[in-house]
N, C-alpha and C. Protein backbone atom coordinates (compact mmCIF):
# COMPACT_ATOMS: atom_id res chain seq x y z
N UNK A 1 -87.57 -10.30 -64.14
CA UNK A 1 -86.48 -10.29 -63.30
C UNK A 1 -86.23 -8.61 -62.83
N UNK A 2 -85.75 -8.74 -61.68
CA UNK A 2 -85.42 -7.15 -61.18
C UNK A 2 -84.02 -7.07 -60.41
N UNK A 3 -83.70 -6.08 -60.35
CA UNK A 3 -82.39 -5.59 -59.61
C UNK A 3 -82.73 -4.96 -58.12
N UNK A 4 -82.20 -5.08 -57.32
CA UNK A 4 -82.37 -4.68 -56.12
C UNK A 4 -81.11 -3.90 -55.61
N UNK A 5 -81.24 -2.57 -55.09
CA UNK A 5 -80.02 -1.75 -55.10
C UNK A 5 -80.28 -1.18 -53.60
N UNK A 6 -79.24 -1.47 -52.82
CA UNK A 6 -79.51 -0.96 -51.14
C UNK A 6 -78.24 0.05 -51.16
N UNK A 7 -78.72 0.85 -50.30
CA UNK A 7 -77.99 1.98 -49.57
C UNK A 7 -77.48 1.20 -48.42
N UNK A 8 -76.41 1.73 -47.81
CA UNK A 8 -75.75 1.12 -46.54
C UNK A 8 -75.83 2.09 -45.41
N UNK A 9 -75.34 3.07 -45.15
CA UNK A 9 -75.42 3.81 -44.10
C UNK A 9 -76.63 4.48 -43.60
N UNK A 10 -77.42 4.04 -42.46
CA UNK A 10 -78.59 4.50 -42.17
C UNK A 10 -79.67 3.46 -42.69
N UNK A 11 -79.49 2.65 -43.84
CA UNK A 11 -80.33 1.63 -44.12
C UNK A 11 -79.87 0.22 -43.66
N UNK A 12 -79.06 -0.24 -44.32
CA UNK A 12 -78.45 -1.68 -43.59
C UNK A 12 -77.86 -1.69 -42.63
N UNK A 13 -77.01 -0.44 -42.08
CA UNK A 13 -76.58 -0.05 -40.87
C UNK A 13 -77.66 0.80 -40.19
N UNK A 14 -78.37 0.48 -39.04
CA UNK A 14 -79.58 1.16 -38.52
C UNK A 14 -78.89 2.37 -37.87
N UNK A 15 -79.22 3.49 -38.06
CA UNK A 15 -79.35 4.76 -37.35
C UNK A 15 -77.78 4.96 -37.20
N UNK A 16 -76.99 4.67 -38.23
CA UNK A 16 -75.39 4.76 -38.06
C UNK A 16 -74.70 4.82 -39.43
N UNK A 17 -73.57 4.96 -39.36
CA UNK A 17 -72.88 4.84 -40.57
C UNK A 17 -71.30 4.12 -40.32
N UNK A 18 -70.57 4.02 -41.60
CA UNK A 18 -69.46 3.37 -41.40
C UNK A 18 -68.55 4.32 -40.85
N UNK A 19 -68.49 5.61 -41.30
CA UNK A 19 -67.27 6.43 -40.67
C UNK A 19 -67.58 6.41 -39.07
N UNK A 20 -68.74 6.39 -38.71
CA UNK A 20 -68.99 6.59 -37.08
C UNK A 20 -68.64 5.08 -36.57
N UNK A 21 -68.74 4.27 -37.04
CA UNK A 21 -68.44 2.87 -36.35
C UNK A 21 -66.92 2.91 -36.63
N UNK A 22 -66.32 3.20 -37.68
CA UNK A 22 -64.63 3.39 -37.71
C UNK A 22 -64.04 3.91 -37.04
N UNK A 23 -64.77 5.40 -36.51
CA UNK A 23 -64.14 6.19 -35.45
C UNK A 23 -64.14 5.68 -34.18
N UNK A 24 -65.26 4.72 -33.68
CA UNK A 24 -65.43 4.23 -32.55
C UNK A 24 -64.18 3.03 -32.42
N UNK A 25 -64.18 2.42 -33.55
CA UNK A 25 -63.05 1.14 -33.39
C UNK A 25 -61.67 1.66 -33.32
N UNK A 26 -61.31 2.79 -33.80
CA UNK A 26 -60.29 3.52 -33.74
C UNK A 26 -59.88 4.37 -32.55
N UNK A 27 -60.95 4.30 -31.50
CA UNK A 27 -61.18 5.21 -30.31
C UNK A 27 -61.26 6.58 -30.26
N UNK A 28 -61.73 7.02 -31.61
CA UNK A 28 -61.98 8.50 -31.77
C UNK A 28 -63.65 8.81 -31.90
N UNK A 29 -64.11 8.20 -30.84
CA UNK A 29 -65.72 8.93 -30.83
C UNK A 29 -65.85 10.19 -30.67
N UNK A 30 -66.96 10.66 -31.60
CA UNK A 30 -66.99 12.20 -31.37
C UNK A 30 -66.23 12.74 -32.15
N UNK A 31 -65.07 12.13 -32.89
CA UNK A 31 -64.50 13.01 -33.63
C UNK A 31 -64.84 13.38 -35.12
N UNK A 32 -66.03 12.89 -35.57
CA UNK A 32 -66.72 13.57 -36.63
C UNK A 32 -67.99 14.03 -36.62
N UNK A 33 -68.43 14.64 -35.56
CA UNK A 33 -69.56 15.51 -35.39
C UNK A 33 -69.61 16.58 -36.00
N UNK A 34 -68.63 17.41 -36.14
CA UNK A 34 -68.42 18.87 -36.97
C UNK A 34 -68.53 18.49 -38.31
N UNK A 35 -67.71 17.46 -38.76
CA UNK A 35 -67.58 17.04 -39.95
C UNK A 35 -69.07 16.36 -40.92
N UNK A 36 -69.69 15.49 -40.04
CA UNK A 36 -70.97 15.11 -40.31
C UNK A 36 -71.97 16.19 -40.37
N UNK A 37 -71.92 17.18 -39.59
CA UNK A 37 -72.89 18.36 -39.55
C UNK A 37 -72.56 19.15 -40.85
N UNK A 38 -71.50 19.39 -41.18
CA UNK A 38 -71.20 20.23 -42.51
C UNK A 38 -71.64 19.38 -43.74
N UNK A 39 -71.46 18.08 -43.62
CA UNK A 39 -71.86 17.47 -44.89
C UNK A 39 -73.33 17.50 -44.79
N UNK A 40 -73.92 17.17 -43.77
CA UNK A 40 -75.45 17.17 -43.55
C UNK A 40 -76.13 18.51 -44.11
N UNK A 41 -75.44 19.49 -44.05
CA UNK A 41 -76.01 21.09 -44.37
C UNK A 41 -75.31 21.43 -45.76
N UNK A 42 -74.61 20.49 -46.10
CA UNK A 42 -74.14 20.75 -47.69
C UNK A 42 -73.17 21.90 -47.59
N UNK A 43 -72.33 22.11 -46.57
CA UNK A 43 -71.32 22.81 -46.63
C UNK A 43 -69.98 22.08 -46.75
N UNK A 44 -69.93 20.74 -46.76
CA UNK A 44 -68.98 19.80 -47.09
C UNK A 44 -69.25 19.13 -48.04
N UNK A 45 -68.55 18.77 -49.30
CA UNK A 45 -69.08 17.49 -50.25
C UNK A 45 -68.49 16.44 -49.89
N UNK A 46 -68.89 15.43 -50.78
CA UNK A 46 -68.41 13.97 -50.20
C UNK A 46 -66.75 13.83 -50.49
N UNK A 47 -66.22 14.67 -51.23
CA UNK A 47 -64.86 14.68 -51.55
C UNK A 47 -64.13 15.39 -50.13
N UNK A 48 -64.70 16.36 -49.73
CA UNK A 48 -64.47 17.10 -48.47
C UNK A 48 -64.31 15.98 -47.26
N UNK A 49 -65.54 15.23 -47.47
CA UNK A 49 -65.54 14.43 -46.22
C UNK A 49 -64.50 13.35 -46.43
N UNK A 50 -64.30 12.70 -47.52
CA UNK A 50 -63.29 11.74 -47.58
C UNK A 50 -62.00 12.10 -47.44
N UNK A 51 -61.61 13.26 -47.89
CA UNK A 51 -60.11 14.11 -47.71
C UNK A 51 -59.93 14.24 -45.96
N UNK A 52 -61.22 14.66 -45.25
CA UNK A 52 -60.88 14.80 -43.95
C UNK A 52 -60.66 13.41 -43.47
N UNK A 53 -61.44 12.47 -43.66
CA UNK A 53 -61.33 10.99 -43.09
C UNK A 53 -59.98 10.67 -43.30
N UNK A 54 -59.49 10.78 -44.54
CA UNK A 54 -58.11 10.14 -44.81
C UNK A 54 -56.93 10.79 -43.92
N UNK A 55 -57.32 12.11 -43.77
CA UNK A 55 -56.23 13.12 -43.08
C UNK A 55 -56.42 12.66 -41.52
N UNK A 56 -57.38 12.26 -40.99
CA UNK A 56 -57.53 11.89 -39.52
C UNK A 56 -57.08 10.50 -39.38
N UNK A 57 -57.17 9.35 -40.51
CA UNK A 57 -56.97 8.18 -40.07
C UNK A 57 -55.77 7.56 -40.92
N UNK A 58 -55.46 8.12 -41.93
CA UNK A 58 -54.64 7.53 -42.80
C UNK A 58 -55.15 6.16 -43.26
N UNK A 59 -54.25 5.09 -43.37
CA UNK A 59 -54.74 3.73 -43.90
C UNK A 59 -55.40 3.01 -42.79
N UNK A 60 -56.54 2.59 -42.62
CA UNK A 60 -57.26 1.99 -41.61
C UNK A 60 -56.80 0.37 -41.62
N UNK A 61 -56.17 -0.12 -40.54
CA UNK A 61 -55.77 -1.36 -40.90
C UNK A 61 -57.18 -2.53 -41.12
N UNK A 62 -56.71 -3.38 -41.64
CA UNK A 62 -57.77 -4.20 -42.10
C UNK A 62 -58.50 -4.99 -40.71
N UNK A 63 -57.74 -5.18 -39.58
CA UNK A 63 -58.44 -5.49 -38.31
C UNK A 63 -59.33 -4.59 -37.77
N UNK A 64 -58.93 -3.06 -37.86
CA UNK A 64 -59.87 -2.35 -37.29
C UNK A 64 -61.15 -2.13 -38.09
N UNK A 65 -61.02 -1.97 -39.52
CA UNK A 65 -62.11 -2.23 -40.38
C UNK A 65 -62.97 -3.39 -39.99
N UNK A 66 -62.64 -4.55 -39.74
CA UNK A 66 -63.23 -5.60 -39.55
C UNK A 66 -63.80 -5.52 -37.99
N UNK A 67 -63.45 -4.84 -37.10
CA UNK A 67 -63.77 -4.86 -35.75
C UNK A 67 -65.07 -3.89 -35.65
N UNK A 68 -65.07 -2.82 -36.61
CA UNK A 68 -65.86 -1.84 -36.70
C UNK A 68 -67.10 -2.55 -37.67
N UNK A 69 -66.92 -3.36 -38.30
CA UNK A 69 -68.01 -4.16 -39.17
C UNK A 69 -69.08 -5.27 -38.20
N UNK A 70 -67.78 -5.97 -37.27
CA UNK A 70 -68.42 -6.81 -36.38
C UNK A 70 -69.46 -6.23 -35.51
N UNK A 71 -69.16 -4.96 -34.97
CA UNK A 71 -69.79 -4.18 -34.26
C UNK A 71 -71.13 -3.62 -34.47
N UNK A 72 -71.00 -3.74 -36.01
CA UNK A 72 -72.26 -2.66 -36.55
C UNK A 72 -73.52 -3.30 -36.07
N UNK A 73 -74.52 -2.27 -35.92
CA UNK A 73 -76.13 -2.58 -35.70
C UNK A 73 -76.52 -2.91 -36.97
N UNK A 74 -76.61 -4.12 -37.61
CA UNK A 74 -76.95 -4.35 -39.00
C UNK A 74 -78.44 -4.64 -38.86
N UNK A 75 -79.23 -4.47 -39.76
CA UNK A 75 -80.81 -4.84 -39.80
C UNK A 75 -80.61 -6.53 -39.90
N UNK A 76 -81.75 -6.88 -39.19
CA UNK A 76 -81.79 -8.56 -39.43
C UNK A 76 -82.21 -8.88 -40.61
N UNK A 77 -81.77 -10.35 -40.98
CA UNK A 77 -82.03 -11.04 -42.39
C UNK A 77 -81.48 -10.60 -43.31
N UNK A 78 -80.46 -9.67 -43.61
CA UNK A 78 -79.76 -9.18 -44.72
C UNK A 78 -79.42 -10.24 -45.64
N UNK A 79 -78.68 -11.23 -44.97
CA UNK A 79 -78.30 -12.43 -45.58
C UNK A 79 -79.57 -13.44 -46.41
N UNK A 80 -80.50 -13.39 -45.50
CA UNK A 80 -81.57 -14.11 -45.98
C UNK A 80 -82.58 -13.41 -47.17
N UNK A 81 -82.42 -11.98 -46.92
CA UNK A 81 -83.02 -11.52 -48.13
C UNK A 81 -82.29 -11.59 -49.38
N UNK A 82 -81.07 -11.42 -49.60
CA UNK A 82 -80.12 -11.40 -50.72
C UNK A 82 -80.28 -12.93 -51.21
N UNK A 83 -80.37 -14.03 -50.29
CA UNK A 83 -80.55 -15.41 -50.68
C UNK A 83 -82.01 -15.54 -51.60
N UNK A 84 -82.88 -14.80 -50.99
CA UNK A 84 -84.18 -14.96 -51.59
C UNK A 84 -84.15 -14.31 -53.06
N UNK A 85 -83.60 -13.17 -52.99
CA UNK A 85 -83.36 -12.38 -54.26
C UNK A 85 -82.58 -13.46 -55.45
N UNK A 86 -81.53 -13.90 -55.14
CA UNK A 86 -81.25 -14.88 -55.76
C UNK A 86 -81.78 -16.17 -56.12
N UNK A 87 -82.33 -16.65 -55.28
CA UNK A 87 -83.25 -17.85 -55.28
C UNK A 87 -84.62 -17.61 -56.64
N UNK A 88 -84.81 -16.29 -56.82
CA UNK A 88 -85.94 -15.91 -57.75
C UNK A 88 -85.17 -15.29 -58.95
N UNK A 89 -83.85 -15.65 -59.28
CA UNK A 89 -83.23 -15.25 -60.29
C UNK A 89 -82.77 -13.90 -60.67
N UNK A 90 -82.75 -13.25 -59.64
CA UNK A 90 -82.50 -11.59 -59.58
C UNK A 90 -81.22 -11.22 -58.90
N UNK A 91 -80.88 -10.13 -58.84
CA UNK A 91 -79.95 -9.64 -58.45
C UNK A 91 -79.81 -8.74 -57.40
N UNK A 92 -78.81 -8.67 -56.60
CA UNK A 92 -78.55 -7.33 -55.72
C UNK A 92 -77.24 -6.88 -55.59
N UNK A 93 -77.14 -5.36 -55.40
CA UNK A 93 -76.14 -4.74 -55.06
C UNK A 93 -76.20 -3.61 -54.18
N UNK A 94 -75.19 -3.11 -53.64
CA UNK A 94 -74.89 -2.30 -52.55
C UNK A 94 -74.12 -0.99 -53.38
N UNK A 95 -74.77 0.31 -52.92
CA UNK A 95 -73.90 1.44 -53.40
C UNK A 95 -73.96 2.46 -52.14
N UNK A 96 -72.67 2.73 -52.02
CA UNK A 96 -72.61 3.64 -50.65
C UNK A 96 -71.25 4.62 -50.96
N UNK A 97 -71.36 5.72 -50.62
CA UNK A 97 -70.38 6.95 -50.46
C UNK A 97 -69.13 6.56 -49.41
N UNK A 98 -69.70 5.66 -48.44
CA UNK A 98 -68.53 5.40 -47.42
C UNK A 98 -67.23 4.56 -47.81
N UNK A 99 -66.28 4.32 -47.12
CA UNK A 99 -65.04 3.49 -47.57
C UNK A 99 -65.45 2.27 -48.10
N UNK A 100 -64.71 1.71 -49.24
CA UNK A 100 -64.65 0.53 -49.48
C UNK A 100 -64.39 -0.56 -48.84
N UNK A 101 -63.10 -0.32 -47.95
CA UNK A 101 -62.64 -1.43 -46.98
C UNK A 101 -63.59 -1.62 -45.71
N UNK A 102 -64.48 -0.71 -45.75
CA UNK A 102 -65.84 -1.36 -44.77
C UNK A 102 -66.77 -2.01 -45.52
N UNK A 103 -67.30 -1.34 -46.70
CA UNK A 103 -68.38 -1.77 -47.52
C UNK A 103 -68.37 -3.24 -48.00
N UNK A 104 -67.06 -3.47 -48.71
CA UNK A 104 -67.12 -4.55 -49.24
C UNK A 104 -67.11 -5.73 -48.46
N UNK A 105 -67.10 -5.85 -46.98
CA UNK A 105 -67.20 -6.71 -46.11
C UNK A 105 -68.99 -7.30 -46.23
N UNK A 106 -69.65 -6.59 -46.85
CA UNK A 106 -70.99 -6.96 -46.92
C UNK A 106 -71.08 -8.06 -48.33
N UNK A 107 -70.09 -8.23 -48.91
CA UNK A 107 -69.93 -9.21 -50.20
C UNK A 107 -70.07 -10.65 -49.61
N UNK A 108 -69.75 -10.91 -48.38
CA UNK A 108 -69.94 -12.17 -47.45
C UNK A 108 -71.36 -12.41 -47.44
N UNK A 109 -72.40 -11.53 -47.43
CA UNK A 109 -73.78 -11.62 -47.17
C UNK A 109 -74.25 -11.86 -48.58
N UNK A 110 -73.47 -12.15 -49.96
CA UNK A 110 -74.03 -12.66 -51.24
C UNK A 110 -74.35 -11.57 -51.99
N UNK A 111 -74.03 -10.18 -51.82
CA UNK A 111 -74.35 -9.25 -52.66
C UNK A 111 -73.40 -9.56 -53.84
N UNK A 112 -74.01 -9.30 -55.20
CA UNK A 112 -73.51 -9.39 -56.48
C UNK A 112 -72.47 -8.44 -56.58
N UNK A 113 -72.58 -7.10 -56.33
CA UNK A 113 -71.54 -6.15 -56.23
C UNK A 113 -71.66 -5.25 -54.96
N UNK A 114 -70.51 -4.62 -54.86
CA UNK A 114 -70.33 -3.58 -53.57
C UNK A 114 -69.73 -2.40 -54.46
N UNK A 115 -70.53 -1.23 -54.61
CA UNK A 115 -69.85 -0.11 -55.08
C UNK A 115 -69.71 0.95 -53.85
N UNK A 116 -68.56 1.42 -53.66
CA UNK A 116 -68.09 2.30 -52.56
C UNK A 116 -67.08 3.20 -52.94
N UNK A 117 -66.86 4.29 -52.03
CA UNK A 117 -65.91 5.23 -52.41
C UNK A 117 -64.16 4.42 -51.96
N UNK A 118 -63.39 4.47 -53.21
CA UNK A 118 -62.17 3.91 -52.94
C UNK A 118 -61.22 4.61 -52.07
N UNK A 119 -60.60 4.12 -51.06
CA UNK A 119 -59.57 4.63 -50.07
C UNK A 119 -58.20 3.98 -50.45
N UNK A 120 -57.10 4.34 -50.04
CA UNK A 120 -55.88 3.93 -50.24
C UNK A 120 -55.76 2.84 -49.36
N UNK A 121 -54.98 1.73 -49.85
CA UNK A 121 -54.70 0.41 -48.82
C UNK A 121 -53.08 0.28 -48.57
N UNK A 122 -52.46 1.49 -48.83
CA UNK A 122 -51.20 1.55 -48.38
C UNK A 122 -50.51 2.91 -48.17
N UNK A 123 -49.73 3.27 -47.14
CA UNK A 123 -49.52 4.63 -46.97
C UNK A 123 -48.73 5.49 -48.27
N UNK A 124 -48.35 4.67 -49.16
CA UNK A 124 -47.53 5.02 -50.19
C UNK A 124 -48.54 5.65 -51.19
N UNK A 125 -49.75 5.12 -51.36
CA UNK A 125 -50.75 5.68 -52.11
C UNK A 125 -51.65 6.94 -51.84
N UNK A 126 -51.75 7.84 -52.52
CA UNK A 126 -52.34 9.06 -52.35
C UNK A 126 -53.97 8.80 -52.67
N UNK A 127 -54.69 9.63 -51.70
CA UNK A 127 -56.18 9.75 -52.12
C UNK A 127 -56.57 9.86 -53.58
N UNK A 128 -57.30 9.12 -54.19
CA UNK A 128 -57.62 9.43 -55.49
C UNK A 128 -59.08 10.03 -55.26
N UNK A 129 -58.99 11.41 -55.35
CA UNK A 129 -60.48 11.98 -55.30
C UNK A 129 -61.58 11.85 -56.26
N UNK A 130 -61.07 11.25 -57.44
CA UNK A 130 -61.90 10.95 -58.38
C UNK A 130 -62.68 9.55 -58.13
N UNK A 131 -62.25 8.92 -57.16
CA UNK A 131 -62.64 7.54 -56.79
C UNK A 131 -63.66 7.74 -55.71
N UNK A 132 -64.16 8.92 -55.18
CA UNK A 132 -65.14 8.90 -54.04
C UNK A 132 -66.50 9.47 -54.59
N UNK A 133 -67.18 8.60 -54.26
CA UNK A 133 -68.46 8.70 -54.82
C UNK A 133 -69.51 9.79 -54.10
N UNK A 134 -70.38 10.05 -54.92
CA UNK A 134 -71.21 11.28 -54.22
C UNK A 134 -72.93 10.76 -54.69
N UNK A 135 -73.91 11.55 -54.13
CA UNK A 135 -75.40 10.93 -54.35
C UNK A 135 -75.64 10.82 -55.90
N UNK A 136 -74.96 11.55 -56.73
CA UNK A 136 -75.39 11.34 -58.10
C UNK A 136 -74.82 10.35 -58.90
N UNK A 137 -73.89 9.77 -58.24
CA UNK A 137 -73.09 8.49 -58.74
C UNK A 137 -74.15 6.93 -58.57
N UNK A 138 -75.00 7.40 -57.66
CA UNK A 138 -75.83 6.33 -57.36
C UNK A 138 -76.66 5.76 -58.55
N UNK A 139 -77.36 6.44 -59.24
CA UNK A 139 -78.30 6.15 -60.25
C UNK A 139 -77.51 5.75 -61.51
N UNK A 140 -75.99 6.25 -61.58
CA UNK A 140 -75.20 5.90 -62.72
C UNK A 140 -74.52 4.45 -62.49
N UNK A 141 -74.37 4.44 -61.11
CA UNK A 141 -74.03 2.99 -60.82
C UNK A 141 -75.02 1.73 -60.96
N UNK A 142 -76.16 2.00 -60.37
CA UNK A 142 -77.24 1.25 -60.65
C UNK A 142 -77.53 0.79 -61.85
N UNK A 143 -77.56 1.93 -62.88
CA UNK A 143 -77.84 1.59 -64.19
C UNK A 143 -76.60 0.77 -64.95
N UNK A 144 -75.34 1.02 -64.51
CA UNK A 144 -74.32 0.27 -64.86
C UNK A 144 -74.67 -1.49 -64.38
N UNK A 145 -74.93 -1.57 -63.13
CA UNK A 145 -75.26 -2.83 -62.55
C UNK A 145 -76.31 -3.36 -63.28
N UNK A 146 -77.23 -2.80 -63.54
CA UNK A 146 -78.54 -3.34 -64.16
C UNK A 146 -78.16 -3.79 -65.77
N UNK A 147 -77.36 -3.19 -66.48
CA UNK A 147 -76.96 -3.13 -67.64
C UNK A 147 -76.29 -4.59 -67.87
N UNK A 148 -75.24 -4.78 -66.92
CA UNK A 148 -74.46 -6.14 -66.90
C UNK A 148 -75.34 -7.29 -66.70
N UNK A 149 -76.68 -7.25 -66.22
CA UNK A 149 -77.37 -8.12 -66.06
C UNK A 149 -78.68 -8.05 -67.04
N UNK A 150 -78.47 -7.51 -67.88
CA UNK A 150 -79.50 -7.13 -69.13
C UNK A 150 -80.90 -6.36 -68.69
N UNK A 151 -80.80 -5.67 -67.86
CA UNK A 151 -81.84 -4.94 -67.35
C UNK A 151 -81.79 -3.57 -67.62
N UNK A 152 -82.77 -2.67 -67.34
CA UNK A 152 -82.90 -1.37 -67.29
C UNK A 152 -83.11 -0.87 -65.90
N UNK A 153 -82.56 0.23 -65.61
CA UNK A 153 -82.59 0.86 -64.46
C UNK A 153 -84.07 1.02 -63.89
N UNK A 154 -85.14 1.11 -64.96
CA UNK A 154 -86.71 1.08 -64.46
C UNK A 154 -86.98 -0.36 -63.79
N UNK A 155 -85.96 -1.40 -63.91
CA UNK A 155 -86.44 -2.82 -63.39
C UNK A 155 -85.64 -2.74 -62.22
N UNK A 156 -85.55 -1.69 -61.64
CA UNK A 156 -84.70 -1.57 -60.15
C UNK A 156 -85.59 -1.16 -59.21
N UNK A 157 -85.32 -1.95 -57.88
CA UNK A 157 -86.15 -1.58 -56.86
C UNK A 157 -84.79 -1.02 -55.60
N UNK A 158 -85.03 0.43 -55.42
CA UNK A 158 -84.13 0.74 -54.45
C UNK A 158 -84.65 0.72 -52.86
N UNK A 159 -83.67 0.72 -51.93
CA UNK A 159 -83.70 0.71 -50.64
C UNK A 159 -82.92 1.75 -50.09
N UNK A 160 -83.30 2.91 -49.47
CA UNK A 160 -82.63 3.89 -48.77
C UNK A 160 -83.36 4.59 -47.74
N UNK A 161 -82.64 5.66 -47.16
CA UNK A 161 -83.02 6.34 -45.82
C UNK A 161 -82.97 7.84 -46.01
N UNK A 162 -82.34 8.33 -46.92
CA UNK A 162 -81.93 9.80 -46.53
C UNK A 162 -81.51 10.35 -48.02
N UNK A 163 -81.06 11.87 -47.73
CA UNK A 163 -80.81 12.73 -48.95
C UNK A 163 -79.87 12.11 -50.00
N UNK A 164 -78.99 11.22 -49.49
CA UNK A 164 -78.00 10.66 -50.64
C UNK A 164 -78.79 9.55 -51.47
N UNK A 165 -79.97 9.51 -51.19
CA UNK A 165 -80.64 8.37 -52.09
C UNK A 165 -81.74 9.23 -52.89
N UNK A 166 -81.76 10.55 -53.02
CA UNK A 166 -82.92 10.97 -53.75
C UNK A 166 -82.50 11.00 -55.21
N UNK A 167 -81.27 11.22 -55.71
CA UNK A 167 -80.99 11.04 -57.05
C UNK A 167 -81.27 9.29 -57.68
N UNK A 168 -81.05 8.58 -56.80
CA UNK A 168 -81.37 7.19 -57.15
C UNK A 168 -82.74 6.79 -57.03
N UNK A 169 -83.52 7.42 -56.31
CA UNK A 169 -85.07 7.19 -56.25
C UNK A 169 -85.78 7.75 -57.41
N UNK A 170 -85.13 8.89 -57.94
CA UNK A 170 -85.88 9.62 -59.21
C UNK A 170 -85.53 8.98 -60.37
N UNK A 171 -84.62 7.66 -60.40
CA UNK A 171 -84.48 6.84 -61.65
C UNK A 171 -84.91 5.39 -61.55
N UNK A 172 -85.31 4.85 -60.63
CA UNK A 172 -85.76 3.65 -60.67
C UNK A 172 -87.02 3.32 -60.65
N UNK A 173 -87.63 1.95 -60.92
CA UNK A 173 -88.90 1.77 -61.10
C UNK A 173 -89.74 1.82 -59.63
N UNK A 174 -88.90 1.32 -58.70
CA UNK A 174 -89.63 1.02 -57.23
C UNK A 174 -88.64 1.61 -56.35
N UNK A 175 -89.36 2.40 -55.33
CA UNK A 175 -88.49 3.24 -54.25
C UNK A 175 -88.98 2.69 -52.90
N UNK A 176 -88.26 1.97 -51.93
CA UNK A 176 -88.40 2.01 -50.49
C UNK A 176 -87.72 2.67 -49.52
N UNK A 177 -88.67 3.33 -48.71
CA UNK A 177 -87.95 4.00 -47.68
C UNK A 177 -87.53 2.97 -46.38
N UNK A 178 -86.60 3.00 -46.01
CA UNK A 178 -86.40 2.12 -44.76
C UNK A 178 -85.71 3.09 -43.83
N UNK A 179 -86.68 2.91 -42.56
CA UNK A 179 -86.16 3.91 -41.55
C UNK A 179 -85.68 5.18 -41.96
N UNK A 180 -86.42 5.54 -43.12
CA UNK A 180 -86.07 6.85 -43.96
C UNK A 180 -86.45 8.27 -42.98
N UNK A 181 -85.79 9.40 -43.55
CA UNK A 181 -86.03 10.63 -43.05
C UNK A 181 -86.91 11.26 -44.25
N UNK A 182 -87.15 12.50 -43.80
CA UNK A 182 -88.02 13.32 -44.51
C UNK A 182 -87.80 13.61 -45.93
N UNK A 183 -86.31 13.57 -46.35
CA UNK A 183 -85.82 13.81 -47.93
C UNK A 183 -86.79 12.79 -48.77
N UNK A 184 -86.83 11.73 -48.35
CA UNK A 184 -87.72 10.72 -49.01
C UNK A 184 -89.01 10.66 -48.96
N UNK A 185 -89.82 11.32 -48.21
CA UNK A 185 -91.29 11.18 -48.05
C UNK A 185 -92.20 11.08 -49.19
N UNK A 186 -91.37 12.27 -49.92
CA UNK A 186 -92.50 12.46 -51.17
C UNK A 186 -91.93 11.57 -52.40
N UNK A 187 -91.03 10.72 -52.29
CA UNK A 187 -90.38 9.96 -53.34
C UNK A 187 -90.47 8.54 -53.18
N UNK A 188 -90.88 8.06 -52.12
CA UNK A 188 -90.97 6.78 -51.76
C UNK A 188 -92.18 6.30 -52.02
N UNK A 189 -92.20 4.95 -52.63
CA UNK A 189 -93.61 4.30 -52.98
C UNK A 189 -94.07 3.75 -51.62
N UNK A 190 -93.31 3.11 -50.79
CA UNK A 190 -93.71 2.39 -49.56
C UNK A 190 -92.40 3.15 -48.52
N UNK A 191 -92.66 3.23 -47.24
CA UNK A 191 -91.92 3.42 -46.13
C UNK A 191 -92.03 2.40 -45.15
N UNK A 192 -90.98 1.77 -44.63
CA UNK A 192 -91.11 0.73 -43.66
C UNK A 192 -90.19 1.30 -42.42
N UNK A 193 -90.35 0.92 -41.21
CA UNK A 193 -89.73 1.28 -39.98
C UNK A 193 -89.33 0.04 -39.20
N UNK A 194 -88.30 -0.17 -38.65
CA UNK A 194 -88.00 -1.35 -37.97
C UNK A 194 -86.69 -1.87 -38.12
N UNK A 195 -86.24 -2.86 -37.47
CA UNK A 195 -84.87 -3.49 -37.46
C UNK A 195 -84.82 -4.69 -38.17
N UNK A 196 -85.84 -4.95 -38.99
CA UNK A 196 -85.75 -6.31 -39.92
C UNK A 196 -86.04 -6.01 -41.34
N UNK A 197 -84.82 -6.13 -42.38
CA UNK A 197 -84.73 -6.00 -43.74
C UNK A 197 -85.84 -6.75 -44.41
N UNK A 198 -86.17 -8.17 -43.73
CA UNK A 198 -87.02 -9.15 -44.61
C UNK A 198 -88.48 -7.98 -44.22
N UNK A 199 -88.78 -7.47 -43.55
CA UNK A 199 -90.15 -6.98 -43.54
C UNK A 199 -90.17 -5.90 -44.55
N UNK A 200 -89.24 -5.07 -44.88
CA UNK A 200 -89.17 -4.10 -45.93
C UNK A 200 -89.24 -4.65 -47.14
N UNK A 201 -88.62 -5.74 -47.28
CA UNK A 201 -88.24 -6.31 -48.50
C UNK A 201 -89.50 -7.22 -48.94
N UNK A 202 -90.14 -7.87 -48.11
CA UNK A 202 -91.46 -8.37 -48.44
C UNK A 202 -92.76 -7.32 -48.65
N UNK A 203 -92.48 -6.12 -48.01
CA UNK A 203 -93.53 -5.09 -48.36
C UNK A 203 -93.08 -4.67 -49.89
N UNK A 204 -91.82 -4.30 -50.06
CA UNK A 204 -91.46 -4.01 -51.50
C UNK A 204 -91.81 -4.87 -52.55
N UNK A 205 -91.75 -6.34 -52.30
CA UNK A 205 -91.99 -7.10 -53.31
C UNK A 205 -93.52 -7.23 -53.58
N UNK A 206 -94.26 -7.23 -52.47
CA UNK A 206 -95.78 -7.12 -52.60
C UNK A 206 -96.28 -6.01 -53.43
N UNK A 207 -95.80 -4.58 -53.24
CA UNK A 207 -95.87 -3.62 -53.91
C UNK A 207 -95.80 -3.77 -55.33
N UNK A 208 -94.44 -4.08 -55.59
CA UNK A 208 -93.94 -4.40 -57.01
C UNK A 208 -94.98 -5.47 -57.70
N UNK A 209 -95.02 -6.59 -57.14
CA UNK A 209 -95.88 -7.55 -57.68
C UNK A 209 -97.32 -7.16 -57.90
N UNK A 210 -97.75 -6.03 -57.08
CA UNK A 210 -99.26 -5.63 -57.52
C UNK A 210 -99.49 -4.85 -58.32
N UNK A 211 -98.06 -4.25 -59.21
CA UNK A 211 -98.59 -3.19 -60.25
C UNK A 211 -97.65 -3.91 -61.48
N UNK A 212 -97.29 -5.00 -61.59
CA UNK A 212 -96.66 -5.73 -62.68
C UNK A 212 -97.92 -5.77 -63.93
């Protein structure tokens, strides 16, 4: 039995992220360019990024988050991949640093768990900076998810695309770069490009099964 751990931004969401999609749904396209550049270069932390988002937008209405999700350029066959994982008696989770009110909509695709940064759902609630995830949290949460199902993190397959997945890739048993950048080039067991998650999933399963 295996656990399958998926990144969201840049992986299930092809060439974009939840904050970019949310900015578009809020009519604020381009408002994150400087912030994203600072985060990419390491001059802004995940907490800095989350704090800036919350200051910009406050509490994002449910209908706006839904509009952003519906407009998202998702990889094809996400639901079908998760269904096949379950048909084999295995488990799937999603781990992202992006806001929970966007990421949790992936639960409708059948994921067993979604781990994401928690943002306030009412104006009276302050941002809890301890609830904002960073890249180092990904292997910790993956290990917790595995333990909940009687597995070790070495039994996990990780699917990611960027620097935020480096720590996770360093801990799991199998590593799949999906439309990935150079940060994962030396860490991934296999790299797959394209718009269909099923292609990456089948390649990953073939790779894992050949090394059992």
